[in-house]
């Protein structure tokens, strides 16, 4: 890294982490730690909401169109190992562990743009109910893709006769194909 890029990161890094912390706090998360160093690497923000713990990687860029693209699988693997190591000491005990990315695009005359990619990766934890633990291969075979769809909203409504008839007509070509195969 060039000295010029390093000095830019020293200015934009803390500013981006503060923006990310404010963004998460406004959404009901408690900031448990900042710049948490472990044997496996650094976690920019460790946040929790009840017993759901999240390690957040913050990427702040002024000259890059998609700062979230700067987070690769190796970085996520290091964060995952750090969270697994920390999970035994977290209180309240975690029921869910996730990794998230917050990308901040700095535009000087305009306010910064904050993009939150929640649950980029789920980290399996020991489940008392079924006693099953994922193997290391199952964990390492996962990857992530951008953009991440945070939630799909489904509208439930009372089915009417007209709605059911239109669904049957819509699905008719698929039903006939399946019968002929």
N, C-alpha and C. Protein backbone atom coordinates (compact mmCIF):
# COMPACT_ATOMS: atom_id res chain seq x y z
N UNK A 1 0.85 -1.17 0.00
CA UNK A 1 0.00 0.00 0.00
C UNK A 1 0.90 1.24 0.00
N UNK A 2 0.57 2.18 -0.85
CA UNK A 2 1.38 3.38 -0.95
C UNK A 2 1.15 4.27 0.27
N UNK A 3 2.13 5.13 0.59
CA UNK A 3 1.96 6.03 1.74
C UNK A 3 0.75 6.95 1.59
N UNK A 4 0.46 7.38 0.35
CA UNK A 4 -0.68 8.25 0.14
C UNK A 4 -1.99 7.52 0.44
N UNK A 5 -2.10 6.27 -0.03
CA UNK A 5 -3.31 5.48 0.23
C UNK A 5 -3.45 5.18 1.72
N UNK A 6 -2.31 4.91 2.38
CA UNK A 6 -2.36 4.61 3.81
C UNK A 6 -2.84 5.82 4.61
N UNK A 7 -2.37 7.03 4.26
CA UNK A 7 -2.81 8.23 4.99
C UNK A 7 -4.29 8.50 4.73
N UNK A 8 -4.77 8.19 3.50
CA UNK A 8 -6.20 8.36 3.21
C UNK A 8 -7.02 7.40 4.05
N UNK A 9 -6.55 6.13 4.18
CA UNK A 9 -7.28 5.14 4.98
C UNK A 9 -7.30 5.52 6.45
N UNK A 10 -6.24 6.14 6.95
CA UNK A 10 -6.20 6.56 8.35
C UNK A 10 -7.23 7.65 8.63
N UNK A 11 -7.55 8.44 7.60
CA UNK A 11 -8.57 9.48 7.79
C UNK A 11 -9.96 8.94 7.57
N UNK A 12 -10.15 8.11 6.54
CA UNK A 12 -11.51 7.66 6.21
C UNK A 12 -11.94 6.46 7.04
N UNK A 13 -11.02 5.63 7.52
CA UNK A 13 -11.38 4.43 8.29
C UNK A 13 -12.17 4.73 9.55
N UNK A 14 -11.63 5.55 10.47
CA UNK A 14 -12.39 5.86 11.69
C UNK A 14 -13.70 6.60 11.40
N UNK A 15 -13.70 7.44 10.38
CA UNK A 15 -14.94 8.15 10.03
C UNK A 15 -16.00 7.16 9.55
N UNK A 16 -15.60 6.20 8.72
CA UNK A 16 -16.53 5.20 8.23
C UNK A 16 -17.03 4.30 9.34
N UNK A 17 -16.14 3.92 10.27
CA UNK A 17 -16.56 3.07 11.38
C UNK A 17 -17.53 3.81 12.30
N UNK A 18 -17.33 5.11 12.47
CA UNK A 18 -18.26 5.89 13.28
C UNK A 18 -19.62 5.99 12.59
N UNK A 19 -19.62 6.21 11.27
CA UNK A 19 -20.88 6.25 10.52
C UNK A 19 -21.61 4.91 10.61
N UNK A 20 -20.85 3.82 10.49
CA UNK A 20 -21.45 2.48 10.57
C UNK A 20 -22.01 2.21 11.96
N UNK A 21 -21.28 2.61 13.00
CA UNK A 21 -21.75 2.41 14.38
C UNK A 21 -23.03 3.22 14.62
N UNK A 22 -23.07 4.44 14.14
CA UNK A 22 -24.28 5.26 14.28
C UNK A 22 -25.46 4.65 13.52
N UNK A 23 -25.17 4.13 12.33
CA UNK A 23 -26.20 3.50 11.50
C UNK A 23 -26.80 2.30 12.22
N UNK A 24 -25.95 1.44 12.80
CA UNK A 24 -26.43 0.24 13.49
C UNK A 24 -27.13 0.59 14.81
N UNK A 25 -26.60 1.57 15.52
CA UNK A 25 -27.24 1.98 16.78
C UNK A 25 -28.64 2.54 16.54
N UNK A 26 -28.81 3.24 15.43
CA UNK A 26 -30.13 3.77 15.10
C UNK A 26 -31.13 2.66 14.78
N UNK A 27 -30.63 1.49 14.44
CA UNK A 27 -31.49 0.35 14.14
C UNK A 27 -31.61 -0.63 15.30
N UNK A 28 -31.22 -0.20 16.49
CA UNK A 28 -31.44 -1.00 17.68
C UNK A 28 -30.34 -1.96 18.08
N UNK A 29 -29.19 -1.87 17.46
CA UNK A 29 -28.06 -2.75 17.82
C UNK A 29 -27.20 -2.09 18.89
N UNK A 30 -26.63 -2.89 19.75
CA UNK A 30 -25.69 -2.39 20.75
C UNK A 30 -24.28 -2.66 20.26
N UNK A 31 -23.43 -1.65 20.30
CA UNK A 31 -22.05 -1.81 19.88
C UNK A 31 -21.28 -2.39 21.06
N UNK A 32 -20.82 -3.64 20.93
CA UNK A 32 -20.11 -4.31 22.01
C UNK A 32 -18.61 -4.00 21.96
N UNK A 33 -18.05 -3.87 20.77
CA UNK A 33 -16.61 -3.60 20.65
C UNK A 33 -16.31 -2.98 19.29
N UNK A 34 -15.23 -2.21 19.27
CA UNK A 34 -14.72 -1.62 18.02
C UNK A 34 -13.27 -2.03 17.85
N UNK A 35 -12.89 -2.30 16.62
CA UNK A 35 -11.51 -2.68 16.29
C UNK A 35 -11.00 -3.78 17.23
N UNK A 36 -11.78 -4.82 17.35
CA UNK A 36 -11.45 -5.94 18.23
C UNK A 36 -10.41 -6.83 17.56
N UNK A 37 -9.24 -6.92 18.18
CA UNK A 37 -8.15 -7.73 17.61
C UNK A 37 -8.16 -9.12 18.23
N UNK A 38 -8.08 -10.12 17.38
CA UNK A 38 -7.98 -11.50 17.83
C UNK A 38 -6.78 -12.14 17.14
N UNK A 39 -6.53 -13.39 17.47
CA UNK A 39 -5.44 -14.13 16.83
C UNK A 39 -5.69 -14.26 15.33
N UNK A 40 -6.96 -14.33 14.94
CA UNK A 40 -7.33 -14.58 13.55
C UNK A 40 -7.47 -13.31 12.72
N UNK A 41 -7.53 -12.17 13.35
CA UNK A 41 -7.66 -10.92 12.62
C UNK A 41 -8.48 -9.92 13.41
N UNK A 42 -8.76 -8.81 12.76
CA UNK A 42 -9.49 -7.72 13.42
C UNK A 42 -10.95 -7.72 12.99
N UNK A 43 -11.83 -7.46 13.94
CA UNK A 43 -13.24 -7.26 13.67
C UNK A 43 -13.51 -5.78 13.87
N UNK A 44 -13.98 -5.10 12.82
CA UNK A 44 -14.20 -3.66 12.90
C UNK A 44 -15.24 -3.31 13.95
N UNK A 45 -16.41 -3.95 13.89
CA UNK A 45 -17.47 -3.71 14.88
C UNK A 45 -18.06 -5.05 15.30
N UNK A 46 -18.21 -5.22 16.60
CA UNK A 46 -18.91 -6.38 17.15
C UNK A 46 -20.20 -5.84 17.76
N UNK A 47 -21.32 -6.23 17.18
CA UNK A 47 -22.61 -5.70 17.62
C UNK A 47 -23.53 -6.84 18.01
N UNK A 48 -24.53 -6.48 18.83
CA UNK A 48 -25.51 -7.50 19.20
C UNK A 48 -26.88 -6.87 19.31
N UNK A 49 -27.85 -7.71 19.05
CA UNK A 49 -29.26 -7.39 19.29
C UNK A 49 -29.82 -8.61 20.00
N UNK A 50 -30.13 -8.45 21.28
CA UNK A 50 -30.51 -9.55 22.18
C UNK A 50 -29.39 -10.58 22.18
N UNK A 51 -29.66 -11.81 21.73
CA UNK A 51 -28.59 -12.82 21.72
C UNK A 51 -28.12 -13.14 20.30
N UNK A 52 -28.32 -12.21 19.39
CA UNK A 52 -27.84 -12.33 18.02
C UNK A 52 -26.60 -11.45 17.89
N UNK A 53 -25.44 -12.08 17.73
CA UNK A 53 -24.16 -11.37 17.64
C UNK A 53 -23.72 -11.30 16.18
N UNK A 54 -23.18 -10.15 15.79
CA UNK A 54 -22.74 -9.94 14.41
C UNK A 54 -21.37 -9.27 14.40
N UNK A 55 -20.47 -9.83 13.59
CA UNK A 55 -19.18 -9.19 13.32
C UNK A 55 -19.35 -8.40 12.03
N UNK A 56 -19.01 -7.12 12.08
CA UNK A 56 -19.24 -6.24 10.94
C UNK A 56 -17.90 -5.78 10.37
N UNK A 57 -17.75 -5.95 9.06
CA UNK A 57 -16.60 -5.42 8.34
C UNK A 57 -17.04 -4.13 7.67
N UNK A 58 -16.33 -3.04 7.94
CA UNK A 58 -16.68 -1.73 7.39
C UNK A 58 -15.68 -1.38 6.31
N UNK A 59 -16.17 -1.07 5.12
CA UNK A 59 -15.33 -0.63 4.02
C UNK A 59 -15.78 0.76 3.60
N UNK A 60 -14.86 1.70 3.71
CA UNK A 60 -15.14 3.09 3.36
C UNK A 60 -14.24 3.47 2.20
N UNK A 61 -14.81 3.93 1.12
CA UNK A 61 -14.04 4.32 -0.05
C UNK A 61 -14.59 5.60 -0.64
N UNK A 62 -13.69 6.37 -1.18
CA UNK A 62 -14.08 7.59 -1.88
C UNK A 62 -13.98 7.39 -3.39
N UNK A 63 -13.02 6.59 -3.81
CA UNK A 63 -12.73 6.45 -5.23
C UNK A 63 -13.16 5.12 -5.83
N UNK A 64 -13.87 4.30 -5.08
CA UNK A 64 -14.30 2.99 -5.59
C UNK A 64 -15.82 2.97 -5.70
N UNK A 65 -16.37 2.50 -6.83
CA UNK A 65 -17.83 2.53 -7.00
C UNK A 65 -18.58 1.54 -6.11
N UNK A 66 -17.91 0.44 -5.69
CA UNK A 66 -18.58 -0.57 -4.87
C UNK A 66 -17.63 -1.03 -3.76
N UNK A 67 -17.57 -0.32 -2.65
CA UNK A 67 -16.64 -0.69 -1.58
C UNK A 67 -16.87 -2.09 -1.03
N UNK A 68 -18.11 -2.60 -1.09
CA UNK A 68 -18.39 -3.93 -0.57
C UNK A 68 -17.65 -5.03 -1.33
N UNK A 69 -17.23 -4.73 -2.55
CA UNK A 69 -16.48 -5.71 -3.34
C UNK A 69 -15.06 -5.91 -2.82
N UNK A 70 -14.62 -5.07 -1.93
CA UNK A 70 -13.27 -5.18 -1.37
C UNK A 70 -13.19 -6.27 -0.31
N UNK A 71 -14.31 -6.82 0.12
CA UNK A 71 -14.34 -7.89 1.11
C UNK A 71 -14.36 -9.22 0.35
N UNK A 72 -13.33 -10.03 0.55
CA UNK A 72 -13.25 -11.30 -0.16
C UNK A 72 -13.49 -12.47 0.78
N UNK A 73 -13.48 -13.68 0.23
CA UNK A 73 -13.74 -14.88 1.02
C UNK A 73 -12.70 -15.09 2.12
N UNK A 74 -11.43 -14.74 1.85
CA UNK A 74 -10.39 -14.90 2.87
C UNK A 74 -10.68 -14.03 4.09
N UNK A 75 -11.11 -12.81 3.84
CA UNK A 75 -11.43 -11.90 4.95
C UNK A 75 -12.61 -12.44 5.75
N UNK A 76 -13.63 -12.93 5.07
CA UNK A 76 -14.79 -13.50 5.75
C UNK A 76 -14.41 -14.76 6.54
N UNK A 77 -13.51 -15.57 5.98
CA UNK A 77 -13.06 -16.76 6.71
C UNK A 77 -12.34 -16.38 8.00
N UNK A 78 -11.48 -15.35 7.94
CA UNK A 78 -10.78 -14.90 9.15
C UNK A 78 -11.77 -14.36 10.19
N UNK A 79 -12.75 -13.60 9.71
CA UNK A 79 -13.76 -13.08 10.64
C UNK A 79 -14.57 -14.22 11.26
N UNK A 80 -14.87 -15.24 10.46
CA UNK A 80 -15.64 -16.37 10.99
C UNK A 80 -14.85 -17.11 12.07
N UNK A 81 -13.55 -17.34 11.81
CA UNK A 81 -12.72 -18.01 12.83
C UNK A 81 -12.64 -17.17 14.10
N UNK A 82 -12.54 -15.86 13.94
CA UNK A 82 -12.49 -14.98 15.11
C UNK A 82 -13.81 -15.04 15.89
N UNK A 83 -14.94 -15.05 15.20
CA UNK A 83 -16.23 -15.12 15.89
C UNK A 83 -16.42 -16.45 16.60
N UNK A 84 -15.98 -17.55 15.98
CA UNK A 84 -16.10 -18.86 16.62
C UNK A 84 -15.26 -18.88 17.90
N UNK A 85 -14.05 -18.30 17.83
CA UNK A 85 -13.20 -18.25 19.02
C UNK A 85 -13.81 -17.38 20.11
N UNK A 86 -14.44 -16.28 19.72
CA UNK A 86 -15.05 -15.37 20.69
C UNK A 86 -16.38 -15.87 21.25
N UNK A 87 -17.05 -16.76 20.54
CA UNK A 87 -18.41 -17.14 20.89
C UNK A 87 -18.51 -17.74 22.30
N UNK A 88 -17.46 -18.38 22.76
CA UNK A 88 -17.51 -18.99 24.10
C UNK A 88 -17.52 -17.94 25.20
N UNK A 89 -16.96 -16.77 24.93
CA UNK A 89 -16.87 -15.74 25.96
C UNK A 89 -17.95 -14.66 25.85
N UNK A 90 -18.79 -14.72 24.84
CA UNK A 90 -19.82 -13.70 24.65
C UNK A 90 -20.97 -13.90 25.63
N UNK A 91 -21.42 -12.81 26.25
CA UNK A 91 -22.57 -12.85 27.14
C UNK A 91 -23.53 -11.75 26.73
N UNK A 92 -24.79 -11.99 26.54
CA UNK A 92 -25.47 -13.26 26.69
C UNK A 92 -25.02 -14.25 25.64
N UNK A 93 -25.16 -15.54 25.96
CA UNK A 93 -24.73 -16.59 25.05
C UNK A 93 -25.38 -16.42 23.69
N UNK A 94 -24.60 -16.53 22.63
CA UNK A 94 -25.18 -16.31 21.30
C UNK A 94 -26.09 -17.45 20.86
N UNK A 95 -27.25 -17.07 20.36
CA UNK A 95 -28.15 -18.03 19.72
C UNK A 95 -27.95 -17.99 18.21
N UNK A 96 -27.38 -16.89 17.74
CA UNK A 96 -27.15 -16.72 16.31
C UNK A 96 -25.89 -15.89 16.12
N UNK A 97 -25.00 -16.34 15.22
CA UNK A 97 -23.79 -15.61 14.87
C UNK A 97 -23.80 -15.34 13.38
N UNK A 98 -23.54 -14.10 13.00
CA UNK A 98 -23.52 -13.75 11.58
C UNK A 98 -22.36 -12.80 11.29
N UNK A 99 -22.03 -12.72 10.02
CA UNK A 99 -21.07 -11.73 9.52
C UNK A 99 -21.84 -10.77 8.63
N UNK A 100 -21.50 -9.50 8.73
CA UNK A 100 -22.16 -8.48 7.92
C UNK A 100 -21.11 -7.54 7.35
N UNK A 101 -21.47 -6.84 6.30
CA UNK A 101 -20.60 -5.84 5.67
C UNK A 101 -21.37 -4.55 5.56
N UNK A 102 -20.70 -3.46 5.93
CA UNK A 102 -21.25 -2.13 5.70
C UNK A 102 -20.29 -1.40 4.77
N UNK A 103 -20.81 -1.00 3.63
CA UNK A 103 -20.02 -0.27 2.63
C UNK A 103 -20.44 1.19 2.66
N UNK A 104 -19.45 2.05 2.77
CA UNK A 104 -19.72 3.49 2.83
C UNK A 104 -19.00 4.16 1.68
N UNK A 105 -19.77 4.85 0.87
CA UNK A 105 -19.22 5.59 -0.27
C UNK A 105 -19.21 7.06 0.10
N UNK A 106 -18.02 7.64 0.15
CA UNK A 106 -17.87 9.05 0.50
C UNK A 106 -17.95 9.90 -0.77
N UNK A 107 -18.83 10.86 -0.77
CA UNK A 107 -18.99 11.80 -1.87
C UNK A 107 -18.92 13.19 -1.24
N UNK A 108 -17.84 13.93 -1.49
CA UNK A 108 -17.55 15.16 -0.74
C UNK A 108 -18.69 16.17 -0.64
N UNK A 109 -19.26 16.65 -1.72
CA UNK A 109 -20.31 17.64 -1.48
C UNK A 109 -21.61 17.01 -0.96
N UNK A 110 -21.81 15.72 -1.23
CA UNK A 110 -23.03 15.03 -0.82
C UNK A 110 -22.79 14.26 0.48
N UNK A 111 -23.83 13.92 1.20
CA UNK A 111 -23.64 13.09 2.39
C UNK A 111 -23.21 11.67 2.00
N UNK A 112 -22.50 10.97 2.87
CA UNK A 112 -22.04 9.63 2.54
C UNK A 112 -23.19 8.65 2.36
N UNK A 113 -22.98 7.67 1.48
CA UNK A 113 -23.97 6.63 1.24
C UNK A 113 -23.59 5.40 2.05
N UNK A 114 -24.51 4.90 2.87
CA UNK A 114 -24.27 3.74 3.72
C UNK A 114 -25.11 2.58 3.19
N UNK A 115 -24.45 1.46 2.86
CA UNK A 115 -25.14 0.26 2.41
C UNK A 115 -24.85 -0.86 3.40
N UNK A 116 -25.90 -1.47 3.91
CA UNK A 116 -25.78 -2.51 4.92
C UNK A 116 -26.12 -3.86 4.30
N UNK A 117 -25.15 -4.77 4.26
CA UNK A 117 -25.36 -6.13 3.78
C UNK A 117 -25.39 -7.03 5.01
N UNK A 118 -26.58 -7.28 5.50
CA UNK A 118 -26.71 -8.05 6.74
C UNK A 118 -26.68 -9.53 6.43
N UNK A 119 -26.15 -10.29 7.36
CA UNK A 119 -26.09 -11.75 7.25
C UNK A 119 -25.44 -12.21 5.96
N UNK A 120 -24.24 -11.67 5.68
CA UNK A 120 -23.47 -12.13 4.54
C UNK A 120 -23.15 -13.61 4.70
N UNK A 121 -22.91 -14.00 5.94
CA UNK A 121 -22.62 -15.41 6.23
C UNK A 121 -23.16 -15.75 7.62
N UNK A 122 -23.82 -16.89 7.71
CA UNK A 122 -24.28 -17.42 9.00
C UNK A 122 -23.18 -18.32 9.54
N UNK A 123 -22.91 -18.23 10.82
CA UNK A 123 -21.91 -19.08 11.44
C UNK A 123 -22.63 -20.12 12.28
N UNK A 124 -22.40 -21.40 11.99
CA UNK A 124 -23.10 -22.42 12.78
C UNK A 124 -22.55 -22.46 14.20
N UNK A 125 -23.45 -22.63 15.14
CA UNK A 125 -23.05 -22.80 16.53
C UNK A 125 -23.66 -24.09 17.04
N UNK A 126 -23.17 -24.55 18.16
CA UNK A 126 -23.66 -25.80 18.72
C UNK A 126 -25.12 -25.66 19.07
N UNK A 127 -25.91 -26.61 18.61
CA UNK A 127 -27.34 -26.59 18.90
C UNK A 127 -27.64 -27.70 19.89
N UNK A 128 -28.15 -27.34 21.05
CA UNK A 128 -28.45 -28.30 22.09
C UNK A 128 -29.60 -29.23 21.69
N UNK A 129 -30.54 -28.72 20.90
CA UNK A 129 -31.75 -29.49 20.61
C UNK A 129 -31.47 -30.74 19.78
N UNK A 130 -30.70 -30.59 18.69
CA UNK A 130 -30.49 -31.77 17.85
C UNK A 130 -29.10 -32.37 18.04
N UNK A 131 -28.20 -31.68 18.71
CA UNK A 131 -26.89 -32.22 18.99
C UNK A 131 -25.99 -32.34 17.77
N UNK A 132 -26.38 -31.74 16.65
CA UNK A 132 -25.60 -31.84 15.42
C UNK A 132 -24.75 -30.59 15.24
N UNK A 133 -23.56 -30.80 14.78
CA UNK A 133 -22.67 -29.68 14.49
C UNK A 133 -22.19 -29.83 13.05
N UNK A 134 -22.14 -28.73 12.32
CA UNK A 134 -21.68 -28.82 10.93
C UNK A 134 -20.20 -29.15 10.90
N UNK A 135 -19.82 -29.92 9.91
CA UNK A 135 -18.40 -30.23 9.76
C UNK A 135 -17.68 -29.02 9.18
N UNK A 136 -16.39 -29.01 9.29
CA UNK A 136 -15.59 -27.89 8.78
C UNK A 136 -15.76 -27.78 7.27
N UNK A 137 -15.93 -28.92 6.57
CA UNK A 137 -16.10 -28.87 5.11
C UNK A 137 -17.38 -28.16 4.74
N UNK A 138 -18.46 -28.40 5.47
CA UNK A 138 -19.72 -27.72 5.18
C UNK A 138 -19.58 -26.22 5.37
N UNK A 139 -18.80 -25.83 6.37
CA UNK A 139 -18.60 -24.41 6.63
C UNK A 139 -17.75 -23.78 5.54
N UNK A 140 -16.66 -24.44 5.13
CA UNK A 140 -15.75 -23.83 4.18
C UNK A 140 -16.28 -23.85 2.75
N UNK A 141 -17.28 -24.69 2.46
CA UNK A 141 -17.83 -24.74 1.11
C UNK A 141 -18.78 -23.60 0.82
N UNK A 142 -19.17 -22.84 1.84
CA UNK A 142 -20.07 -21.72 1.61
C UNK A 142 -19.33 -20.55 0.99
N UNK A 143 -20.06 -19.76 0.28
CA UNK A 143 -19.51 -18.54 -0.28
C UNK A 143 -20.61 -17.49 -0.22
N UNK A 144 -20.34 -16.33 -0.76
CA UNK A 144 -21.36 -15.30 -0.76
C UNK A 144 -21.37 -14.63 -2.12
N UNK A 145 -22.47 -14.02 -2.43
CA UNK A 145 -22.64 -13.34 -3.69
C UNK A 145 -23.25 -11.98 -3.43
N UNK A 146 -22.95 -11.02 -4.28
CA UNK A 146 -23.48 -9.68 -4.15
C UNK A 146 -24.48 -9.45 -5.25
N UNK A 147 -25.51 -8.73 -5.10
CA UNK A 147 -26.00 -8.19 -3.85
C UNK A 147 -26.74 -9.26 -3.05
N UNK A 148 -26.85 -9.04 -1.81
CA UNK A 148 -27.51 -9.99 -0.94
C UNK A 148 -28.92 -9.50 -0.67
N UNK A 149 -29.87 -10.38 -0.85
CA UNK A 149 -31.26 -10.01 -0.60
C UNK A 149 -31.51 -10.19 0.88
N UNK A 150 -31.85 -9.13 1.55
CA UNK A 150 -31.99 -9.17 3.00
C UNK A 150 -33.24 -9.92 3.43
N UNK A 151 -34.35 -9.62 2.84
CA UNK A 151 -35.60 -10.26 3.21
C UNK A 151 -36.51 -10.29 2.00
N UNK A 152 -37.23 -11.36 1.88
CA UNK A 152 -38.29 -11.42 0.89
C UNK A 152 -39.60 -11.24 1.63
N UNK A 153 -40.36 -10.29 1.24
CA UNK A 153 -41.63 -10.04 1.90
C UNK A 153 -42.72 -10.75 1.12
N UNK A 154 -43.48 -11.57 1.78
CA UNK A 154 -44.55 -12.32 1.17
C UNK A 154 -45.87 -11.79 1.70
N UNK A 155 -46.78 -11.55 0.81
CA UNK A 155 -48.10 -11.06 1.20
C UNK A 155 -49.06 -12.24 1.24
N UNK A 156 -49.65 -12.48 2.38
CA UNK A 156 -50.64 -13.54 2.52
C UNK A 156 -52.02 -12.91 2.45
N UNK A 157 -52.86 -13.50 1.64
CA UNK A 157 -54.22 -13.00 1.55
C UNK A 157 -55.18 -14.18 1.48
N UNK A 158 -56.41 -13.90 1.74
CA UNK A 158 -57.43 -14.94 1.70
C UNK A 158 -57.69 -15.29 0.24
N UNK A 159 -57.52 -16.58 -0.13
CA UNK A 159 -57.70 -16.93 -1.55
C UNK A 159 -59.16 -16.78 -1.96
N UNK A 160 -59.35 -16.20 -3.11
CA UNK A 160 -60.69 -16.07 -3.66
C UNK A 160 -60.81 -16.99 -4.86
N UNK A 161 -62.02 -17.19 -5.32
CA UNK A 161 -62.24 -18.10 -6.44
C UNK A 161 -61.52 -17.60 -7.69
N UNK A 162 -61.56 -16.31 -7.94
CA UNK A 162 -60.89 -15.75 -9.11
C UNK A 162 -59.38 -15.89 -9.03
N UNK A 163 -58.82 -15.69 -7.84
CA UNK A 163 -57.38 -15.83 -7.65
C UNK A 163 -56.95 -17.27 -7.87
N UNK A 164 -57.71 -18.21 -7.33
CA UNK A 164 -57.37 -19.62 -7.51
C UNK A 164 -57.46 -20.03 -8.98
N UNK A 165 -58.45 -19.55 -9.70
CA UNK A 165 -58.57 -19.89 -11.12
C UNK A 165 -57.41 -19.32 -11.93
N UNK A 166 -57.00 -18.09 -11.60
CA UNK A 166 -55.86 -17.51 -12.34
C UNK A 166 -54.56 -18.24 -12.01
N UNK A 167 -54.40 -18.71 -10.79
CA UNK A 167 -53.21 -19.50 -10.45
C UNK A 167 -53.20 -20.83 -11.18
N UNK A 168 -54.35 -21.47 -11.28
CA UNK A 168 -54.44 -22.74 -12.00
C UNK A 168 -54.10 -22.54 -13.47
N UNK A 169 -54.58 -21.46 -14.08
CA UNK A 169 -54.26 -21.17 -15.47
C UNK A 169 -52.78 -20.87 -15.64
N UNK A 170 -52.23 -20.17 -14.68
CA UNK A 170 -50.80 -19.82 -14.75
C UNK A 170 -49.92 -21.06 -14.64
N UNK A 171 -50.30 -22.02 -13.82
CA UNK A 171 -49.49 -23.21 -13.60
C UNK A 171 -49.82 -24.35 -14.56
N UNK A 172 -50.84 -24.21 -15.38
CA UNK A 172 -51.26 -25.27 -16.28
C UNK A 172 -50.15 -25.74 -17.22
N UNK A 173 -49.38 -24.86 -17.86
CA UNK A 173 -48.32 -25.37 -18.75
C UNK A 173 -47.29 -26.22 -18.02
N UNK A 174 -46.98 -25.90 -16.78
CA UNK A 174 -46.00 -26.67 -16.03
C UNK A 174 -46.55 -28.04 -15.65
N UNK A 175 -47.82 -28.10 -15.33
CA UNK A 175 -48.45 -29.38 -14.96
C UNK A 175 -48.48 -30.30 -16.18
N UNK A 176 -48.80 -29.78 -17.35
CA UNK A 176 -48.90 -30.63 -18.54
C UNK A 176 -47.52 -31.13 -18.93
N UNK A 177 -46.47 -30.34 -18.78
CA UNK A 177 -45.11 -30.79 -19.11
C UNK A 177 -44.70 -31.94 -18.20
N UNK A 178 -45.03 -31.85 -16.94
CA UNK A 178 -44.62 -32.86 -15.97
C UNK A 178 -45.32 -34.19 -16.27
N UNK A 179 -46.55 -34.16 -16.74
CA UNK A 179 -47.27 -35.38 -17.07
C UNK A 179 -46.68 -36.09 -18.27
N UNK A 180 -46.16 -35.32 -19.24
CA UNK A 180 -45.63 -35.93 -20.47
C UNK A 180 -44.24 -36.49 -20.29
N UNK A 181 -43.55 -36.15 -19.24
CA UNK A 181 -42.16 -36.61 -19.07
C UNK A 181 -42.08 -37.99 -18.53
